[in-house]
PDB file of all heavy atoms in Angstrom:
ATOM      1  N   VAL A   1       0.829  -1.199   0.000  1.00  0.00           N
ATOM      2  CA  VAL A   1       0.000   0.000   0.000  1.00  0.00           C
ATOM      3  C   VAL A   1       0.872   1.262   0.000  1.00  0.00           C
ATOM      4  O   VAL A   1       0.771   2.099  -0.892  1.00  0.00           O
ATOM      5  CB  VAL A   1      -0.963   0.031   1.200  1.00  0.00           C
ATOM      6  CG1 VAL A   1      -1.761   1.333   1.214  1.00  0.00           C
ATOM      7  CG2 VAL A   1      -1.899  -1.176   1.160  1.00  0.00           C
ATOM      8  N   ALA A   2       1.718   1.393   1.015  1.00  0.00           N
ATOM      9  CA  ALA A   2       2.561   2.581   1.147  1.00  0.00           C
ATOM     10  C   ALA A   2       3.720   2.273   2.076  1.00  0.00           C
ATOM     11  O   ALA A   2       3.636   1.381   2.914  1.00  0.00           O
ATOM     12  CB  ALA A   2       1.755   3.771   1.680  1.00  0.00           C
ATOM     13  N   ALA A   3       4.808   3.036   1.945  1.00  0.00           N
ATOM     14  CA  ALA A   3       5.967   2.855   2.808  1.00  0.00           C
ATOM     15  C   ALA A   3       6.669   4.183   3.019  1.00  0.00           C
ATOM     16  O   ALA A   3       6.508   5.129   2.235  1.00  0.00           O
ATOM     17  CB  ALA A   3       6.940   1.833   2.220  1.00  0.00           C
ATOM     18  N   LEU A   4       7.463   4.241   4.078  1.00  0.00           N
ATOM     19  CA  LEU A   4       8.175   5.454   4.448  1.00  0.00           C
ATOM     20  C   LEU A   4       9.540   5.110   5.009  1.00  0.00           C
ATOM     21  O   LEU A   4       9.661   4.250   5.883  1.00  0.00           O
ATOM     22  CB  LEU A   4       7.348   6.253   5.476  1.00  0.00           C
ATOM     23  CG  LEU A   4       7.916   7.569   6.003  1.00  0.00           C
ATOM     24  CD1 LEU A   4       6.787   8.542   6.297  1.00  0.00           C
ATOM     25  CD2 LEU A   4       8.740   7.340   7.265  1.00  0.00           C
ATOM     26  N   ARG A   5      10.572   5.773   4.502  1.00  0.00           N
ATOM     27  CA  ARG A   5      11.907   5.685   5.072  1.00  0.00           C
ATOM     28  C   ARG A   5      11.965   6.583   6.289  1.00  0.00           C
ATOM     29  O   ARG A   5      11.716   7.790   6.183  1.00  0.00           O
ATOM     30  CB  ARG A   5      12.962   6.119   4.057  1.00  0.00           C
ATOM     31  CG  ARG A   5      13.031   5.289   2.785  1.00  0.00           C
ATOM     32  CD  ARG A   5      13.657   3.941   3.036  1.00  0.00           C
ATOM     33  NE  ARG A   5      14.013   3.282   1.787  1.00  0.00           N
ATOM     34  CZ  ARG A   5      14.411   2.029   1.675  1.00  0.00           C
ATOM     35  NH1 ARG A   5      14.516   1.268   2.764  1.00  0.00           N
ATOM     36  NH2 ARG A   5      14.709   1.519   0.495  1.00  0.00           N
ATOM     37  N   TRP A   6      12.279   6.000   7.458  1.00  0.00           N
ATOM     38  CA  TRP A   6      12.217   6.761   8.696  1.00  0.00           C
ATOM     39  C   TRP A   6      13.169   7.944   8.704  1.00  0.00           C
ATOM     40  O   TRP A   6      12.815   9.033   9.150  1.00  0.00           O
ATOM     41  CB  TRP A   6      12.488   5.851   9.890  1.00  0.00           C
ATOM     42  CG  TRP A   6      11.865   6.351  11.145  1.00  0.00           C
ATOM     43  CD1 TRP A   6      12.499   6.905  12.213  1.00  0.00           C
ATOM     44  CD2 TRP A   6      10.473   6.331  11.464  1.00  0.00           C
ATOM     45  NE1 TRP A   6      11.589   7.243  13.180  1.00  0.00           N
ATOM     46  CE2 TRP A   6      10.331   6.896  12.749  1.00  0.00           C
ATOM     47  CE3 TRP A   6       9.327   5.887  10.789  1.00  0.00           C
ATOM     48  CZ2 TRP A   6       9.088   7.033  13.361  1.00  0.00           C
ATOM     49  CZ3 TRP A   6       8.094   6.028  11.401  1.00  0.00           C
ATOM     50  CH2 TRP A   6       7.990   6.592  12.670  1.00  0.00           C
ATOM     51  N   SER A   7      14.364   7.727   8.211  1.00  0.00           N
ATOM     52  CA  SER A   7      15.338   8.803   8.103  1.00  0.00           C
ATOM     53  C   SER A   7      15.201   9.462   6.736  1.00  0.00           C
ATOM     54  O   SER A   7      15.457   8.847   5.710  1.00  0.00           O
ATOM     55  CB  SER A   7      16.751   8.259   8.293  1.00  0.00           C
ATOM     56  OG  SER A   7      17.709   9.296   8.182  1.00  0.00           O
ATOM     57  N   GLY A   8      14.761  10.712   6.720  1.00  0.00           N
ATOM     58  CA  GLY A   8      14.589  11.442   5.478  1.00  0.00           C
ATOM     59  C   GLY A   8      13.152  11.556   5.017  1.00  0.00           C
ATOM     60  O   GLY A   8      12.795  12.524   4.329  1.00  0.00           O
ATOM     61  N   GLY A   9      12.314  10.578   5.360  1.00  0.00           N
ATOM     62  CA  GLY A   9      10.894  10.665   5.078  1.00  0.00           C
ATOM     63  C   GLY A   9      10.482  10.355   3.652  1.00  0.00           C
ATOM     64  O   GLY A   9       9.365  10.706   3.251  1.00  0.00           O
ATOM     65  N   THR A  10      11.328   9.696   2.865  1.00  0.00           N
ATOM     66  CA  THR A  10      10.953   9.307   1.509  1.00  0.00           C
ATOM     67  C   THR A  10       9.749   8.372   1.544  1.00  0.00           C
ATOM     68  O   THR A  10       9.709   7.436   2.340  1.00  0.00           O
ATOM     69  CB  THR A  10      12.118   8.610   0.805  1.00  0.00           C
ATOM     70  OG1 THR A  10      13.257   9.474   0.806  1.00  0.00           O
ATOM     71  CG2 THR A  10      11.754   8.276  -0.636  1.00  0.00           C
ATOM     72  N   THR A  11       8.768   8.630   0.680  1.00  0.00           N
ATOM     73  CA  THR A  11       7.538   7.844   0.665  1.00  0.00           C
ATOM     74  C   THR A  11       7.360   7.105  -0.644  1.00  0.00           C
ATOM     75  O   THR A  11       7.871   7.514  -1.692  1.00  0.00           O
ATOM     76  CB  THR A  11       6.310   8.728   0.919  1.00  0.00           C
ATOM     77  OG1 THR A  11       6.257   9.763  -0.069  1.00  0.00           O
ATOM     78  CG2 THR A  11       6.373   9.358   2.305  1.00  0.00           C
ATOM     79  N   TYR A  12       6.590   6.010  -0.579  1.00  0.00           N
ATOM     80  CA  TYR A  12       6.287   5.165  -1.722  1.00  0.00           C
ATOM     81  C   TYR A  12       4.814   4.794  -1.648  1.00  0.00           C
ATOM     82  O   TYR A  12       4.293   4.532  -0.567  1.00  0.00           O
ATOM     83  CB  TYR A  12       7.136   3.886  -1.703  1.00  0.00           C
ATOM     84  CG  TYR A  12       8.616   4.117  -1.536  1.00  0.00           C
ATOM     85  CD1 TYR A  12       9.162   4.373  -0.287  1.00  0.00           C
ATOM     86  CD2 TYR A  12       9.473   4.075  -2.630  1.00  0.00           C
ATOM     87  CE1 TYR A  12      10.524   4.587  -0.128  1.00  0.00           C
ATOM     88  CE2 TYR A  12      10.834   4.283  -2.483  1.00  0.00           C
ATOM     89  CZ  TYR A  12      11.353   4.538  -1.231  1.00  0.00           C
ATOM     90  OH  TYR A  12      12.703   4.744  -1.089  1.00  0.00           O
ATOM     91  N   TYR A  13       4.137   4.758  -2.807  1.00  0.00           N
ATOM     92  CA  TYR A  13       2.714   4.443  -2.844  1.00  0.00           C
ATOM     93  C   TYR A  13       2.396   3.481  -3.976  1.00  0.00           C
ATOM     94  O   TYR A  13       2.970   3.569  -5.061  1.00  0.00           O
ATOM     95  CB  TYR A  13       1.871   5.700  -3.043  1.00  0.00           C
ATOM     96  CG  TYR A  13       1.911   6.667  -1.898  1.00  0.00           C
ATOM     97  CD1 TYR A  13       2.782   7.747  -1.908  1.00  0.00           C
ATOM     98  CD2 TYR A  13       1.074   6.511  -0.803  1.00  0.00           C
ATOM     99  CE1 TYR A  13       2.820   8.641  -0.852  1.00  0.00           C
ATOM    100  CE2 TYR A  13       1.100   7.397   0.256  1.00  0.00           C
ATOM    101  CZ  TYR A  13       1.977   8.461   0.228  1.00  0.00           C
ATOM    102  OH  TYR A  13       2.005   9.349   1.280  1.00  0.00           O
ATOM    103  N   ALA A  14       1.463   2.584  -3.708  1.00  0.00           N
ATOM    104  CA  ALA A  14       0.894   1.782  -4.779  1.00  0.00           C
ATOM    105  C   ALA A  14       0.050   2.669  -5.681  1.00  0.00           C
ATOM    106  O   ALA A  14      -0.582   3.625  -5.215  1.00  0.00           O
ATOM    107  CB  ALA A  14       0.036   0.655  -4.199  1.00  0.00           C
ATOM    108  N   ASP A  15       0.019   2.360  -6.969  1.00  0.00           N
ATOM    109  CA  ASP A  15      -0.761   3.162  -7.908  1.00  0.00           C
ATOM    110  C   ASP A  15      -2.246   3.214  -7.530  1.00  0.00           C
ATOM    111  O   ASP A  15      -2.913   4.222  -7.759  1.00  0.00           O
ATOM    112  CB  ASP A  15      -0.616   2.610  -9.324  1.00  0.00           C
ATOM    113  CG  ASP A  15       0.756   2.862  -9.912  1.00  0.00           C
ATOM    114  OD1 ASP A  15       1.480   3.743  -9.411  1.00  0.00           O
ATOM    115  OD2 ASP A  15       1.109   2.174 -10.890  1.00  0.00           O
ATOM    116  N   SER A  16      -2.749   2.158  -6.935  1.00  0.00           N
ATOM    117  CA  SER A  16      -4.159   2.071  -6.611  1.00  0.00           C
ATOM    118  C   SER A  16      -4.593   3.037  -5.512  1.00  0.00           C
ATOM    119  O   SER A  16      -5.788   3.324  -5.379  1.00  0.00           O
ATOM    120  CB  SER A  16      -4.519   0.638  -6.201  1.00  0.00           C
ATOM    121  OG  SER A  16      -3.773   0.229  -5.072  1.00  0.00           O
ATOM    122  N   VAL A  17      -3.647   3.545  -4.720  1.00  0.00           N
ATOM    123  CA  VAL A  17      -3.990   4.436  -3.614  1.00  0.00           C
ATOM    124  C   VAL A  17      -3.382   5.821  -3.762  1.00  0.00           C
ATOM    125  O   VAL A  17      -3.706   6.723  -2.970  1.00  0.00           O
ATOM    126  CB  VAL A  17      -3.585   3.844  -2.255  1.00  0.00           C
ATOM    127  CG1 VAL A  17      -4.171   2.447  -2.088  1.00  0.00           C
ATOM    128  CG2 VAL A  17      -2.071   3.821  -2.097  1.00  0.00           C
ATOM    129  N   LYS A  18      -2.536   6.017  -4.736  1.00  0.00           N
ATOM    130  CA  LYS A  18      -1.867   7.304  -4.926  1.00  0.00           C
ATOM    131  C   LYS A  18      -2.898   8.413  -5.135  1.00  0.00           C
ATOM    132  O   LYS A  18      -3.816   8.286  -5.938  1.00  0.00           O
ATOM    133  CB  LYS A  18      -0.914   7.219  -6.115  1.00  0.00           C
ATOM    134  CG  LYS A  18       0.046   8.387  -6.236  1.00  0.00           C
ATOM    135  CD  LYS A  18       1.070   8.143  -7.356  1.00  0.00           C
ATOM    136  CE  LYS A  18       1.908   6.903  -7.095  1.00  0.00           C
ATOM    137  NZ  LYS A  18       2.917   6.673  -8.168  1.00  0.00           N
ATOM    138  N   GLY A  19      -2.734   9.496  -4.386  1.00  0.00           N
ATOM    139  CA  GLY A  19      -3.668  10.607  -4.453  1.00  0.00           C
ATOM    140  C   GLY A  19      -4.812  10.510  -3.469  1.00  0.00           C
ATOM    141  O   GLY A  19      -5.516  11.505  -3.250  1.00  0.00           O
ATOM    142  N   ARG A  20      -5.013   9.334  -2.875  1.00  0.00           N
ATOM    143  CA  ARG A  20      -6.080   9.148  -1.898  1.00  0.00           C
ATOM    144  C   ARG A  20      -5.544   8.875  -0.493  1.00  0.00           C
ATOM    145  O   ARG A  20      -6.126   9.318   0.492  1.00  0.00           O
ATOM    146  CB  ARG A  20      -6.997   7.995  -2.310  1.00  0.00           C
ATOM    147  CG  ARG A  20      -7.704   8.224  -3.638  1.00  0.00           C
ATOM    148  CD  ARG A  20      -8.745   7.139  -3.896  1.00  0.00           C
ATOM    149  NE  ARG A  20      -8.141   5.806  -3.976  1.00  0.00           N
ATOM    150  CZ  ARG A  20      -8.422   4.799  -3.154  1.00  0.00           C
ATOM    151  NH1 ARG A  20      -9.314   4.955  -2.181  1.00  0.00           N
ATOM    152  NH2 ARG A  20      -7.835   3.620  -3.321  1.00  0.00           N
ATOM    153  N   PHE A  21      -4.447   8.124  -0.412  1.00  0.00           N
ATOM    154  CA  PHE A  21      -3.852   7.760   0.873  1.00  0.00           C
ATOM    155  C   PHE A  21      -2.576   8.553   1.093  1.00  0.00           C
ATOM    156  O   PHE A  21      -1.848   8.866   0.141  1.00  0.00           O
ATOM    157  CB  PHE A  21      -3.509   6.273   0.921  1.00  0.00           C
ATOM    158  CG  PHE A  21      -4.681   5.334   0.925  1.00  0.00           C
ATOM    159  CD1 PHE A  21      -5.980   5.786   0.741  1.00  0.00           C
ATOM    160  CD2 PHE A  21      -4.475   3.974   1.113  1.00  0.00           C
ATOM    161  CE1 PHE A  21      -7.054   4.921   0.739  1.00  0.00           C
ATOM    162  CE2 PHE A  21      -5.539   3.094   1.114  1.00  0.00           C
ATOM    163  CZ  PHE A  21      -6.830   3.563   0.930  1.00  0.00           C
ATOM    164  N   THR A  22      -2.273   8.848   2.352  1.00  0.00           N
ATOM    165  CA  THR A  22      -1.044   9.522   2.723  1.00  0.00           C
ATOM    166  C   THR A  22      -0.401   8.811   3.903  1.00  0.00           C
ATOM    167  O   THR A  22      -1.055   8.572   4.912  1.00  0.00           O
ATOM    168  CB  THR A  22      -1.296  10.993   3.101  1.00  0.00           C
ATOM    169  OG1 THR A  22      -1.949  11.665   2.020  1.00  0.00           O
ATOM    170  CG2 THR A  22       0.023  11.697   3.404  1.00  0.00           C
ATOM    171  N   ILE A  23       0.870   8.467   3.764  1.00  0.00           N
ATOM    172  CA  ILE A  23       1.620   7.877   4.860  1.00  0.00           C
ATOM    173  C   ILE A  23       2.485   8.964   5.493  1.00  0.00           C
ATOM    174  O   ILE A  23       3.111   9.752   4.790  1.00  0.00           O
ATOM    175  CB  ILE A  23       2.472   6.679   4.377  1.00  0.00           C
ATOM    176  CG1 ILE A  23       3.137   5.970   5.561  1.00  0.00           C
ATOM    177  CG2 ILE A  23       3.503   7.107   3.346  1.00  0.00           C
ATOM    178  CD1 ILE A  23       3.798   4.645   5.174  1.00  0.00           C
ATOM    179  N   PHE A  24       2.489   9.027   6.807  1.00  0.00           N
ATOM    180  CA  PHE A  24       3.314  10.007   7.492  1.00  0.00           C
ATOM    181  C   PHE A  24       3.680   9.494   8.872  1.00  0.00           C
ATOM    182  O   PHE A  24       3.130   8.496   9.338  1.00  0.00           O
ATOM    183  CB  PHE A  24       2.638  11.383   7.562  1.00  0.00           C
ATOM    184  CG  PHE A  24       1.339  11.415   8.316  1.00  0.00           C
ATOM    185  CD1 PHE A  24       1.289  11.877   9.621  1.00  0.00           C
ATOM    186  CD2 PHE A  24       0.158  11.015   7.712  1.00  0.00           C
ATOM    187  CE1 PHE A  24       0.085  11.937  10.314  1.00  0.00           C
ATOM    188  CE2 PHE A  24      -1.052  11.063   8.396  1.00  0.00           C
ATOM    189  CZ  PHE A  24      -1.089  11.522   9.689  1.00  0.00           C
TER     190      PHE A  24
END
């Protein structure tokens, strides 16, 4: 679904949720 690098905060999203979901 989504992922986040703890150091730096780089995020990754599946295409199916991009624009609707936010990981933070």
